[in-house]
Amino acid sequence: MWGFTGILVTYARAAPFVLTFYRLWISVALMLATLFLRRRRLPWRAVLYAVPSGLLLCANLTCYVFAFRLTSITDASVIGALQ
């Protein structure tokens, strides 16, 4: 999916915040489905520890999507890969 991100974001007409919102919630749904299929539980303490990281990931992905709007796909992909 990494290689298609720039193309999908460039041709999507949605705002960068909307694209980031749906991208992160799709990953949450996949992670919860995996936990459900494996019959495992996620402790609340782990969720509380993950919240700051999730917020920083959201900020990172939003800036990444904004970069596609401000520069070319190539420039934003190279900068994202070099982080």
N, C-alpha and C. Protein backbone atom coordinates (compact mmCIF):
# COMPACT_ATOMS: atom_id res chain seq x y z
N MET A 1 0.82 -1.19 0.00
CA MET A 1 0.00 0.00 0.00
C MET A 1 0.86 1.25 0.00
N TRP A 2 2.09 1.16 0.47
CA TRP A 2 2.96 2.33 0.55
C TRP A 2 3.16 2.96 -0.82
N GLY A 3 3.33 2.17 -1.83
CA GLY A 3 3.58 2.70 -3.16
C GLY A 3 2.38 3.38 -3.79
N PHE A 4 1.19 3.03 -3.38
CA PHE A 4 -0.02 3.61 -3.94
C PHE A 4 -0.52 4.83 -3.18
N THR A 5 0.05 5.11 -2.03
CA THR A 5 -0.44 6.20 -1.20
C THR A 5 -0.40 7.53 -1.93
N GLY A 6 0.72 7.84 -2.56
CA GLY A 6 0.84 9.11 -3.26
C GLY A 6 -0.16 9.26 -4.38
N ILE A 7 -0.37 8.20 -5.12
CA ILE A 7 -1.30 8.25 -6.25
C ILE A 7 -2.74 8.40 -5.75
N LEU A 8 -3.10 7.64 -4.74
CA LEU A 8 -4.46 7.72 -4.20
C LEU A 8 -4.74 9.09 -3.60
N VAL A 9 -3.78 9.63 -2.86
CA VAL A 9 -3.97 10.93 -2.22
C VAL A 9 -4.03 12.04 -3.26
N THR A 10 -3.21 11.95 -4.28
CA THR A 10 -3.18 13.00 -5.29
C THR A 10 -4.49 13.08 -6.06
N TYR A 11 -5.07 11.96 -6.38
CA TYR A 11 -6.30 11.97 -7.17
C TYR A 11 -7.57 12.00 -6.33
N ALA A 12 -7.46 11.87 -5.03
CA ALA A 12 -8.64 11.95 -4.16
C ALA A 12 -9.05 13.41 -4.02
N ARG A 13 -10.31 13.64 -3.98
CA ARG A 13 -10.81 15.01 -3.87
C ARG A 13 -11.12 15.38 -2.42
N ALA A 14 -10.89 14.48 -1.49
CA ALA A 14 -11.18 14.74 -0.08
C ALA A 14 -10.05 15.54 0.55
N ALA A 15 -10.37 16.17 1.65
CA ALA A 15 -9.39 16.96 2.40
C ALA A 15 -8.36 16.04 3.06
N PRO A 16 -7.15 16.52 3.30
CA PRO A 16 -6.12 15.69 3.93
C PRO A 16 -6.54 15.13 5.29
N PHE A 17 -7.27 15.92 6.09
CA PHE A 17 -7.72 15.43 7.39
C PHE A 17 -8.70 14.27 7.24
N VAL A 18 -9.55 14.35 6.23
CA VAL A 18 -10.54 13.29 5.99
C VAL A 18 -9.84 12.01 5.55
N LEU A 19 -8.88 12.14 4.66
CA LEU A 19 -8.13 10.95 4.20
C LEU A 19 -7.38 10.29 5.35
N THR A 20 -6.76 11.10 6.19
CA THR A 20 -6.04 10.55 7.34
C THR A 20 -7.00 9.89 8.32
N PHE A 21 -8.14 10.53 8.55
CA PHE A 21 -9.14 9.98 9.46
C PHE A 21 -9.57 8.59 9.02
N TYR A 22 -9.93 8.44 7.77
CA TYR A 22 -10.40 7.13 7.29
C TYR A 22 -9.27 6.11 7.24
N ARG A 23 -8.08 6.55 6.88
CA ARG A 23 -6.94 5.61 6.83
C ARG A 23 -6.65 5.03 8.22
N LEU A 24 -6.70 5.87 9.24
CA LEU A 24 -6.42 5.38 10.59
C LEU A 24 -7.56 4.52 11.13
N TRP A 25 -8.81 4.88 10.84
CA TRP A 25 -9.91 4.08 11.34
C TRP A 25 -10.02 2.73 10.63
N ILE A 26 -9.61 2.66 9.39
CA ILE A 26 -9.56 1.37 8.71
C ILE A 26 -8.53 0.47 9.37
N SER A 27 -7.38 1.04 9.75
CA SER A 27 -6.37 0.23 10.42
C SER A 27 -6.83 -0.20 11.81
N VAL A 28 -7.59 0.64 12.50
CA VAL A 28 -8.14 0.26 13.81
C VAL A 28 -9.11 -0.91 13.63
N ALA A 29 -9.96 -0.84 12.62
CA ALA A 29 -10.90 -1.94 12.38
C ALA A 29 -10.17 -3.24 12.07
N LEU A 30 -9.10 -3.17 11.28
CA LEU A 30 -8.34 -4.38 10.97
C LEU A 30 -7.66 -4.95 12.22
N MET A 31 -7.13 -4.08 13.06
CA MET A 31 -6.48 -4.56 14.29
C MET A 31 -7.50 -5.18 15.25
N LEU A 32 -8.67 -4.57 15.38
CA LEU A 32 -9.70 -5.14 16.25
C LEU A 32 -10.22 -6.47 15.70
N ALA A 33 -10.34 -6.57 14.39
CA ALA A 33 -10.77 -7.83 13.79
C ALA A 33 -9.74 -8.93 14.05
N THR A 34 -8.46 -8.58 13.97
CA THR A 34 -7.40 -9.54 14.27
C THR A 34 -7.46 -10.00 15.72
N LEU A 35 -7.66 -9.05 16.63
CA LEU A 35 -7.79 -9.43 18.04
C LEU A 35 -9.00 -10.33 18.26
N PHE A 36 -10.12 -10.02 17.60
CA PHE A 36 -11.32 -10.82 17.75
C PHE A 36 -11.12 -12.23 17.21
N LEU A 37 -10.50 -12.35 16.05
CA LEU A 37 -10.29 -13.68 15.46
C LEU A 37 -9.32 -14.52 16.27
N ARG A 38 -8.37 -13.88 16.92
CA ARG A 38 -7.41 -14.62 17.76
C ARG A 38 -7.92 -14.81 19.18
N ARG A 39 -9.11 -14.28 19.46
CA ARG A 39 -9.74 -14.38 20.79
C ARG A 39 -8.82 -13.81 21.88
N ARG A 40 -8.29 -12.65 21.61
CA ARG A 40 -7.42 -11.98 22.58
C ARG A 40 -8.05 -10.65 22.96
N ARG A 41 -7.60 -10.14 24.10
CA ARG A 41 -8.10 -8.85 24.58
C ARG A 41 -6.95 -7.86 24.63
N LEU A 42 -7.29 -6.61 24.50
CA LEU A 42 -6.31 -5.54 24.58
C LEU A 42 -6.54 -4.83 25.91
N PRO A 43 -5.55 -4.86 26.82
CA PRO A 43 -5.74 -4.20 28.12
C PRO A 43 -5.86 -2.68 27.96
N TRP A 44 -6.66 -2.06 28.84
CA TRP A 44 -6.86 -0.62 28.79
C TRP A 44 -5.56 0.13 29.01
N ARG A 45 -4.68 -0.43 29.80
CA ARG A 45 -3.39 0.22 30.04
C ARG A 45 -2.60 0.36 28.73
N ALA A 46 -2.65 -0.66 27.90
CA ALA A 46 -1.96 -0.61 26.61
C ALA A 46 -2.60 0.44 25.70
N VAL A 47 -3.92 0.56 25.77
CA VAL A 47 -4.62 1.57 24.97
C VAL A 47 -4.20 2.97 25.43
N LEU A 48 -4.13 3.18 26.73
CA LEU A 48 -3.73 4.50 27.25
C LEU A 48 -2.30 4.84 26.88
N TYR A 49 -1.43 3.85 26.86
CA TYR A 49 -0.05 4.09 26.45
C TYR A 49 0.05 4.38 24.95
N ALA A 50 -0.87 3.85 24.17
CA ALA A 50 -0.82 4.00 22.72
C ALA A 50 -1.44 5.32 22.23
N VAL A 51 -2.22 5.98 23.05
CA VAL A 51 -2.91 7.20 22.61
C VAL A 51 -1.93 8.29 22.17
N PRO A 52 -0.89 8.63 22.96
CA PRO A 52 0.04 9.67 22.48
C PRO A 52 0.73 9.29 21.16
N SER A 53 1.10 8.03 21.02
CA SER A 53 1.71 7.59 19.77
C SER A 53 0.74 7.69 18.61
N GLY A 54 -0.51 7.37 18.85
CA GLY A 54 -1.52 7.47 17.81
C GLY A 54 -1.76 8.91 17.38
N LEU A 55 -1.74 9.83 18.32
CA LEU A 55 -1.91 11.24 17.98
C LEU A 55 -0.73 11.75 17.16
N LEU A 56 0.47 11.34 17.52
CA LEU A 56 1.64 11.74 16.74
C LEU A 56 1.62 11.11 15.34
N LEU A 57 1.17 9.86 15.24
CA LEU A 57 1.04 9.22 13.93
C LEU A 57 0.02 9.95 13.08
N CYS A 58 -1.07 10.38 13.69
CA CYS A 58 -2.10 11.14 12.98
C CYS A 58 -1.52 12.45 12.45
N ALA A 59 -0.75 13.14 13.27
CA ALA A 59 -0.13 14.39 12.82
C ALA A 59 0.85 14.13 11.69
N ASN A 60 1.63 13.06 11.80
CA ASN A 60 2.60 12.72 10.76
C ASN A 60 1.91 12.41 9.44
N LEU A 61 0.87 11.59 9.47
CA LEU A 61 0.17 11.22 8.24
C LEU A 61 -0.56 12.41 7.63
N THR A 62 -1.09 13.29 8.46
CA THR A 62 -1.77 14.47 7.94
C THR A 62 -0.77 15.39 7.24
N CYS A 63 0.39 15.59 7.84
CA CYS A 63 1.43 16.40 7.19
C CYS A 63 1.90 15.74 5.90
N TYR A 64 1.97 14.42 5.90
CA TYR A 64 2.36 13.66 4.70
C TYR A 64 1.37 13.88 3.57
N VAL A 65 0.08 13.85 3.90
CA VAL A 65 -0.95 14.06 2.88
C VAL A 65 -0.92 15.51 2.40
N PHE A 66 -0.71 16.46 3.31
CA PHE A 66 -0.58 17.86 2.89
C PHE A 66 0.62 18.04 1.97
N ALA A 67 1.69 17.29 2.21
CA ALA A 67 2.88 17.40 1.36
C ALA A 67 2.57 16.98 -0.07
N PHE A 68 1.71 16.00 -0.25
CA PHE A 68 1.32 15.60 -1.60
C PHE A 68 0.55 16.71 -2.30
N ARG A 69 -0.19 17.49 -1.54
CA ARG A 69 -0.94 18.59 -2.15
C ARG A 69 -0.03 19.76 -2.52
N LEU A 70 1.08 19.93 -1.78
CA LEU A 70 1.95 21.09 -1.99
C LEU A 70 3.12 20.81 -2.94
N THR A 71 3.50 19.55 -3.09
CA THR A 71 4.64 19.21 -3.95
C THR A 71 4.22 18.08 -4.89
N SER A 72 5.20 17.53 -5.58
CA SER A 72 4.90 16.40 -6.46
C SER A 72 4.91 15.10 -5.66
N ILE A 73 4.39 14.07 -6.27
CA ILE A 73 4.36 12.75 -5.62
C ILE A 73 5.77 12.27 -5.33
N THR A 74 6.68 12.50 -6.24
CA THR A 74 8.06 12.03 -6.09
C THR A 74 8.73 12.70 -4.90
N ASP A 75 8.62 14.02 -4.80
CA ASP A 75 9.26 14.74 -3.70
C ASP A 75 8.72 14.30 -2.34
N ALA A 76 7.40 14.22 -2.22
CA ALA A 76 6.81 13.84 -0.94
C ALA A 76 7.15 12.39 -0.57
N SER A 77 7.21 11.50 -1.55
CA SER A 77 7.55 10.10 -1.27
C SER A 77 9.00 9.96 -0.83
N VAL A 78 9.90 10.70 -1.46
CA VAL A 78 11.32 10.64 -1.08
C VAL A 78 11.50 11.20 0.32
N ILE A 79 10.86 12.33 0.61
CA ILE A 79 10.98 12.92 1.95
C ILE A 79 10.38 11.99 2.99
N GLY A 80 9.26 11.37 2.70
CA GLY A 80 8.64 10.43 3.64
C GLY A 80 9.48 9.20 3.86
N ALA A 81 10.16 8.73 2.82
CA ALA A 81 11.00 7.53 2.95
C ALA A 81 12.28 7.83 3.72
N LEU A 82 12.73 9.05 3.69
CA LEU A 82 13.98 9.40 4.37
C LEU A 82 13.78 9.79 5.84
N GLN A 83 12.57 9.74 6.33
CA GLN A 83 12.33 10.11 7.73
C GLN A 83 13.00 9.15 8.66
